Amino acid sequence: MSYAPSIPDAYRQAGIYVGRILKGEKPGDLPVMLPTKFEFVINLNTAKALGFEVPPTLLARADEVIE
């Protein structure tokens, strides 16, 4: 299982920073932006190899399930 910030969303936020800098804002004046979107991924192959059984309710909450 993995619960981490969304990589595409991080690139989008980086693009927003670049746009603001190109419009003339000073990088030191920009606020620190925290991730706003997270992804929950479950790898069923690894879970089965380790002998774990993942409950259906947890599978339903996952953004992505790798089989």
PDB file of N, CA and C in Angstrom:
ATOM      1  N   MET A   1       0.842  -1.167   0.000  1.00  0.00           N
ATOM      2  CA  MET A   1       0.000   0.000   0.000  1.00  0.00           C
ATOM      3  C   MET A   1       0.891   1.236   0.000  1.00  0.00           C
ATOM      4  N   SER A   2       0.386   2.267  -0.632  1.00  0.00           N
ATOM      5  CA  SER A   2       1.079   3.539  -0.684  1.00  0.00           C
ATOM      6  C   SER A   2       0.056   4.656  -0.604  1.00  0.00           C
ATOM      7  N   TYR A   3       0.340   5.620   0.236  1.00  0.00           N
ATOM      8  CA  TYR A   3      -0.495   6.820   0.332  1.00  0.00           C
ATOM      9  C   TYR A   3       0.464   7.996   0.210  1.00  0.00           C
ATOM     10  N   ALA A   4       0.444   8.661  -0.938  1.00  0.00           N
ATOM     11  CA  ALA A   4       1.431   9.700  -1.209  1.00  0.00           C
ATOM     12  C   ALA A   4       0.817  10.813  -2.058  1.00  0.00           C
ATOM     13  N   PRO A   5       1.507  11.952  -2.111  1.00  0.00           N
ATOM     14  CA  PRO A   5       1.015  13.044  -2.963  1.00  0.00           C
ATOM     15  C   PRO A   5       0.953  12.616  -4.428  1.00  0.00           C
ATOM     16  N   SER A   6       0.008  13.151  -5.144  1.00  0.00           N
ATOM     17  CA  SER A   6      -0.160  12.877  -6.564  1.00  0.00           C
ATOM     18  C   SER A   6       0.956  13.557  -7.351  1.00  0.00           C
ATOM     19  N   ILE A   7       1.699  12.788  -8.153  1.00  0.00           N
ATOM     20  CA  ILE A   7       2.796  13.343  -8.946  1.00  0.00           C
ATOM     21  C   ILE A   7       2.271  14.321 -10.009  1.00  0.00           C
ATOM     22  N   PRO A   8       1.218  13.966 -10.775  1.00  0.00           N
ATOM     23  CA  PRO A   8       0.714  14.942 -11.753  1.00  0.00           C
ATOM     24  C   PRO A   8       0.267  16.258 -11.108  1.00  0.00           C
ATOM     25  N   ASP A   9      -0.309  16.177  -9.922  1.00  0.00           N
ATOM     26  CA  ASP A   9      -0.732  17.391  -9.227  1.00  0.00           C
ATOM     27  C   ASP A   9       0.480  18.215  -8.798  1.00  0.00           C
ATOM     28  N   ALA A  10       1.565  17.553  -8.400  1.00  0.00           N
ATOM     29  CA  ALA A  10       2.790  18.271  -8.019  1.00  0.00           C
ATOM     30  C   ALA A  10       3.365  19.019  -9.221  1.00  0.00           C
ATOM     31  N   TYR A  11       3.331  18.395 -10.402  1.00  0.00           N
ATOM     32  CA  TYR A  11       3.808  19.073 -11.616  1.00  0.00           C
ATOM     33  C   TYR A  11       2.916  20.272 -11.948  1.00  0.00           C
ATOM     34  N   ARG A  12       1.618  20.129 -11.728  1.00  0.00           N
ATOM     35  CA  ARG A  12       0.705  21.237 -11.981  1.00  0.00           C
ATOM     36  C   ARG A  12       1.044  22.414 -11.070  1.00  0.00           C
ATOM     37  N   GLN A  13       1.300  22.122  -9.798  1.00  0.00           N
ATOM     38  CA  GLN A  13       1.650  23.182  -8.858  1.00  0.00           C
ATOM     39  C   GLN A  13       2.977  23.829  -9.229  1.00  0.00           C
ATOM     40  N   ALA A  14       3.936  23.023  -9.705  1.00  0.00           N
ATOM     41  CA  ALA A  14       5.220  23.582 -10.139  1.00  0.00           C
ATOM     42  C   ALA A  14       5.005  24.525 -11.318  1.00  0.00           C
ATOM     43  N   GLY A  15       4.105  24.167 -12.224  1.00  0.00           N
ATOM     44  CA  GLY A  15       3.793  25.031 -13.359  1.00  0.00           C
ATOM     45  C   GLY A  15       3.194  26.355 -12.923  1.00  0.00           C
ATOM     46  N   ILE A  16       2.376  26.309 -11.889  1.00  0.00           N
ATOM     47  CA  ILE A  16       1.789  27.543 -11.352  1.00  0.00           C
ATOM     48  C   ILE A  16       2.895  28.440 -10.793  1.00  0.00           C
ATOM     49  N   TYR A  17       3.858  27.840 -10.077  1.00  0.00           N
ATOM     50  CA  TYR A  17       4.991  28.608  -9.548  1.00  0.00           C
ATOM     51  C   TYR A  17       5.771  29.261 -10.681  1.00  0.00           C
ATOM     52  N   VAL A  18       6.082  28.495 -11.727  1.00  0.00           N
ATOM     53  CA  VAL A  18       6.845  29.016 -12.859  1.00  0.00           C
ATOM     54  C   VAL A  18       6.095  30.169 -13.510  1.00  0.00           C
ATOM     55  N   GLY A  19       4.796  30.007 -13.687  1.00  0.00           N
ATOM     56  CA  GLY A  19       3.994  31.068 -14.279  1.00  0.00           C
ATOM     57  C   GLY A  19       4.039  32.344 -13.467  1.00  0.00           C
ATOM     58  N   ARG A  20       3.976  32.219 -12.165  1.00  0.00           N
ATOM     59  CA  ARG A  20       4.011  33.407 -11.308  1.00  0.00           C
ATOM     60  C   ARG A  20       5.373  34.086 -11.364  1.00  0.00           C
ATOM     61  N   ILE A  21       6.441  33.289 -11.434  1.00  0.00           N
ATOM     62  CA  ILE A  21       7.797  33.845 -11.522  1.00  0.00           C
ATOM     63  C   ILE A  21       7.981  34.555 -12.866  1.00  0.00           C
ATOM     64  N   LEU A  22       7.486  33.936 -13.938  1.00  0.00           N
ATOM     65  CA  LEU A  22       7.608  34.554 -15.267  1.00  0.00           C
ATOM     66  C   LEU A  22       6.795  35.843 -15.379  1.00  0.00           C
ATOM     67  N   LYS A  23       5.770  35.982 -14.557  1.00  0.00           N
ATOM     68  CA  LYS A  23       4.972  37.217 -14.554  1.00  0.00           C
ATOM     69  C   LYS A  23       5.612  38.310 -13.702  1.00  0.00           C
ATOM     70  N   GLY A  24       6.749  37.993 -13.059  1.00  0.00           N
ATOM     71  CA  GLY A  24       7.495  39.027 -12.345  1.00  0.00           C
ATOM     72  C   GLY A  24       7.546  38.901 -10.840  1.00  0.00           C
ATOM     73  N   GLU A  25       6.892  37.919 -10.259  1.00  0.00           N
ATOM     74  CA  GLU A  25       6.950  37.773  -8.798  1.00  0.00           C
ATOM     75  C   GLU A  25       8.319  37.241  -8.388  1.00  0.00           C
ATOM     76  N   LYS A  26       8.769  37.649  -7.227  1.00  0.00           N
ATOM     77  CA  LYS A  26      10.055  37.180  -6.715  1.00  0.00           C
ATOM     78  C   LYS A  26       9.860  35.794  -6.099  1.00  0.00           C
ATOM     79  N   PRO A  27      10.746  34.845  -6.421  1.00  0.00           N
ATOM     80  CA  PRO A  27      10.612  33.494  -5.858  1.00  0.00           C
ATOM     81  C   PRO A  27      10.580  33.470  -4.336  1.00  0.00           C
ATOM     82  N   GLY A  28      11.318  34.368  -3.699  1.00  0.00           N
ATOM     83  CA  GLY A  28      11.345  34.421  -2.241  1.00  0.00           C
ATOM     84  C   GLY A  28      10.038  34.888  -1.623  1.00  0.00           C
ATOM     85  N   ASP A  29       9.209  35.550  -2.419  1.00  0.00           N
ATOM     86  CA  ASP A  29       7.928  36.054  -1.917  1.00  0.00           C
ATOM     87  C   ASP A  29       6.791  35.048  -2.087  1.00  0.00           C
ATOM     88  N   LEU A  30       7.032  33.970  -2.821  1.00  0.00           N
ATOM     89  CA  LEU A  30       5.977  32.979  -3.063  1.00  0.00           C
ATOM     90  C   LEU A  30       5.790  32.092  -1.829  1.00  0.00           C
ATOM     91  N   PRO A  31       4.563  31.760  -1.511  1.00  0.00           N
ATOM     92  CA  PRO A  31       4.317  30.890  -0.353  1.00  0.00           C
ATOM     93  C   PRO A  31       4.707  29.448  -0.655  1.00  0.00           C
ATOM     94  N   VAL A  32       4.993  28.709   0.380  1.00  0.00           N
ATOM     95  CA  VAL A  32       5.266  27.284   0.235  1.00  0.00           C
ATOM     96  C   VAL A  32       3.921  26.581   0.072  1.00  0.00           C
ATOM     97  N   MET A  33       3.791  25.833  -1.022  1.00  0.00           N
ATOM     98  CA  MET A  33       2.531  25.139  -1.285  1.00  0.00           C
ATOM     99  C   MET A  33       2.666  23.677  -0.869  1.00  0.00           C
ATOM    100  N   LEU A  34       1.718  23.204  -0.109  1.00  0.00           N
ATOM    101  CA  LEU A  34       1.697  21.807   0.306  1.00  0.00           C
ATOM    102  C   LEU A  34       0.850  21.003  -0.671  1.00  0.00           C
ATOM    103  N   PRO A  35       1.101  19.704  -0.756  1.00  0.00           N
ATOM    104  CA  PRO A  35       0.272  18.876  -1.647  1.00  0.00           C
ATOM    105  C   PRO A  35      -1.201  18.963  -1.249  1.00  0.00           C
ATOM    106  N   THR A  36      -2.059  18.950  -2.264  1.00  0.00           N
ATOM    107  CA  THR A  36      -3.489  19.028  -1.996  1.00  0.00           C
ATOM    108  C   THR A  36      -4.218  17.757  -2.395  1.00  0.00           C
ATOM    109  N   LYS A  37      -3.588  16.941  -3.231  1.00  0.00           N
ATOM    110  CA  LYS A  37      -4.213  15.710  -3.682  1.00  0.00           C
ATOM    111  C   LYS A  37      -3.294  14.536  -3.373  1.00  0.00           C
ATOM    112  N   PHE A  38      -3.850  13.503  -2.775  1.00  0.00           N
ATOM    113  CA  PHE A  38      -3.091  12.309  -2.438  1.00  0.00           C
ATOM    114  C   PHE A  38      -3.711  11.099  -3.129  1.00  0.00           C
ATOM    115  N   GLU A  39      -2.878  10.086  -3.386  1.00  0.00           N
ATOM    116  CA  GLU A  39      -3.353   8.859  -4.021  1.00  0.00           C
ATOM    117  C   GLU A  39      -3.089   7.668  -3.098  1.00  0.00           C
ATOM    118  N   PHE A  40      -4.054   6.772  -3.047  1.00  0.00           N
ATOM    119  CA  PHE A  40      -3.947   5.556  -2.256  1.00  0.00           C
ATOM    120  C   PHE A  40      -3.897   4.382  -3.233  1.00  0.00           C
ATOM    121  N   VAL A  41      -2.759   3.688  -3.263  1.00  0.00           N
ATOM    122  CA  VAL A  41      -2.541   2.598  -4.211  1.00  0.00           C
ATOM    123  C   VAL A  41      -2.285   1.308  -3.442  1.00  0.00           C
ATOM    124  N   ILE A  42      -2.912   0.217  -3.884  1.00  0.00           N
ATOM    125  CA  ILE A  42      -2.719  -1.098  -3.264  1.00  0.00           C
ATOM    126  C   ILE A  42      -2.183  -2.056  -4.324  1.00  0.00           C
ATOM    127  N   ASN A  43      -1.094  -2.752  -4.005  1.00  0.00           N
ATOM    128  CA  ASN A  43      -0.518  -3.754  -4.887  1.00  0.00           C
ATOM    129  C   ASN A  43      -0.950  -5.125  -4.357  1.00  0.00           C
ATOM    130  N   LEU A  44      -1.934  -5.732  -5.032  1.00  0.00           N
ATOM    131  CA  LEU A  44      -2.473  -7.017  -4.571  1.00  0.00           C
ATOM    132  C   LEU A  44      -1.486  -8.159  -4.743  1.00  0.00           C
ATOM    133  N   ASN A  45      -0.640  -8.110  -5.776  1.00  0.00           N
ATOM    134  CA  ASN A  45       0.349  -9.167  -5.974  1.00  0.00           C
ATOM    135  C   ASN A  45       1.299  -9.255  -4.778  1.00  0.00           C
ATOM    136  N   THR A  46       1.773  -8.120  -4.325  1.00  0.00           N
ATOM    137  CA  THR A  46       2.680  -8.093  -3.173  1.00  0.00           C
ATOM    138  C   THR A  46       1.952  -8.515  -1.905  1.00  0.00           C
ATOM    139  N   ALA A  47       0.722  -8.072  -1.735  1.00  0.00           N
ATOM    140  CA  ALA A  47      -0.049  -8.442  -0.546  1.00  0.00           C
ATOM    141  C   ALA A  47      -0.236  -9.959  -0.487  1.00  0.00           C
ATOM    142  N   LYS A  48      -0.575 -10.569  -1.627  1.00  0.00           N
ATOM    143  CA  LYS A  48      -0.758 -12.027  -1.656  1.00  0.00           C
ATOM    144  C   LYS A  48       0.549 -12.753  -1.409  1.00  0.00           C
ATOM    145  N   ALA A  49       1.663 -12.244  -1.966  1.00  0.00           N
ATOM    146  CA  ALA A  49       2.971 -12.861  -1.762  1.00  0.00           C
ATOM    147  C   ALA A  49       3.386 -12.830  -0.297  1.00  0.00           C
ATOM    148  N   LEU A  50       2.971 -11.797   0.418  1.00  0.00           N
ATOM    149  CA  LEU A  50       3.299 -11.672   1.840  1.00  0.00           C
ATOM    150  C   LEU A  50       2.273 -12.361   2.742  1.00  0.00           C
ATOM    151  N   GLY A  51       1.208 -12.861   2.140  1.00  0.00           N
ATOM    152  CA  GLY A  51       0.192 -13.565   2.912  1.00  0.00           C
ATOM    153  C   GLY A  51      -0.867 -12.671   3.524  1.00  0.00           C
ATOM    154  N   PHE A  52      -0.989 -11.448   3.040  1.00  0.00           N
ATOM    155  CA  PHE A  52      -2.001 -10.531   3.546  1.00  0.00           C
ATOM    156  C   PHE A  52      -3.264 -10.637   2.707  1.00  0.00           C
ATOM    157  N   GLU A  53      -4.396 -10.553   3.373  1.00  0.00           N
ATOM    158  CA  GLU A  53      -5.666 -10.493   2.660  1.00  0.00           C
ATOM    159  C   GLU A  53      -6.221  -9.089   2.851  1.00  0.00           C
ATOM    160  N   VAL A  54      -6.462  -8.417   1.746  1.00  0.00           N
ATOM    161  CA  VAL A  54      -6.926  -7.034   1.793  1.00  0.00           C
ATOM    162  C   VAL A  54      -8.455  -7.033   1.806  1.00  0.00           C
ATOM    163  N   PRO A  55      -9.070  -6.436   2.817  1.00  0.00           N
ATOM    164  CA  PRO A  55     -10.533  -6.408   2.902  1.00  0.00           C
ATOM    165  C   PRO A  55     -11.153  -5.633   1.731  1.00  0.00           C
ATOM    166  N   PRO A  56     -12.325  -6.051   1.283  1.00  0.00           N
ATOM    167  CA  PRO A  56     -12.993  -5.367   0.170  1.00  0.00           C
ATOM    168  C   PRO A  56     -13.285  -3.892   0.452  1.00  0.00           C
ATOM    169  N   THR A  57     -13.532  -3.562   1.707  1.00  0.00           N
ATOM    170  CA  THR A  57     -13.809  -2.159   2.037  1.00  0.00           C
ATOM    171  C   THR A  57     -12.571  -1.292   1.807  1.00  0.00           C
ATOM    172  N   LEU A  58     -11.385  -1.840   2.058  1.00  0.00           N
ATOM    173  CA  LEU A  58     -10.144  -1.108   1.820  1.00  0.00           C
ATOM    174  C   LEU A  58      -9.876  -0.995   0.322  1.00  0.00           C
ATOM    175  N   LEU A  59     -10.164  -2.066  -0.419  1.00  0.00           N
ATOM    176  CA  LEU A  59     -10.010  -2.022  -1.878  1.00  0.00           C
ATOM    177  C   LEU A  59     -10.919  -0.973  -2.494  1.00  0.00           C
ATOM    178  N   ALA A  60     -12.115  -0.810  -1.934  1.00  0.00           N
ATOM    179  CA  ALA A  60     -13.065   0.163  -2.468  1.00  0.00           C
ATOM    180  C   ALA A  60     -12.573   1.602  -2.272  1.00  0.00           C
ATOM    181  N   ARG A  61     -11.760   1.836  -1.251  1.00  0.00           N
ATOM    182  CA  ARG A  61     -11.267   3.176  -0.981  1.00  0.00           C
ATOM    183  C   ARG A  61     -10.026   3.528  -1.801  1.00  0.00           C
ATOM    184  N   ALA A  62      -9.385   2.535  -2.407  1.00  0.00           N
ATOM    185  CA  ALA A  62      -8.138   2.781  -3.132  1.00  0.00           C
ATOM    186  C   ALA A  62      -8.404   3.545  -4.432  1.00  0.00           C
ATOM    187  N   ASP A  63      -7.481   4.452  -4.761  1.00  0.00           N
ATOM    188  CA  ASP A  63      -7.552   5.157  -6.040  1.00  0.00           C
ATOM    189  C   ASP A  63      -7.094   4.263  -7.184  1.00  0.00           C
ATOM    190  N   GLU A  64      -6.177   3.348  -6.877  1.00  0.00           N
ATOM    191  CA  GLU A  64      -5.647   2.424  -7.895  1.00  0.00           C
ATOM    192  C   GLU A  64      -5.336   1.093  -7.229  1.00  0.00           C
ATOM    193  N   VAL A  65      -5.670  -0.005  -7.913  1.00  0.00           N
ATOM    194  CA  VAL A  65      -5.359  -1.347  -7.423  1.00  0.00           C
ATOM    195  C   VAL A  65      -4.524  -2.022  -8.497  1.00  0.00           C
ATOM    196  N   ILE A  66      -3.329  -2.462  -8.116  1.00  0.00           N
ATOM    197  CA  ILE A  66      -2.435  -3.156  -9.042  1.00  0.00           C
ATOM    198  C   ILE A  66      -2.579  -4.648  -8.802  1.00  0.00           C
ATOM    199  N   GLU A  67      -2.921  -5.379  -9.864  1.00  0.00           N
ATOM    200  CA  GLU A  67      -3.100  -6.827  -9.709  1.00  0.00           C
ATOM    201  C   GLU A  67      -1.995  -7.578 -10.388  1.00  0.00           C
TER     202      GLU A  67
END
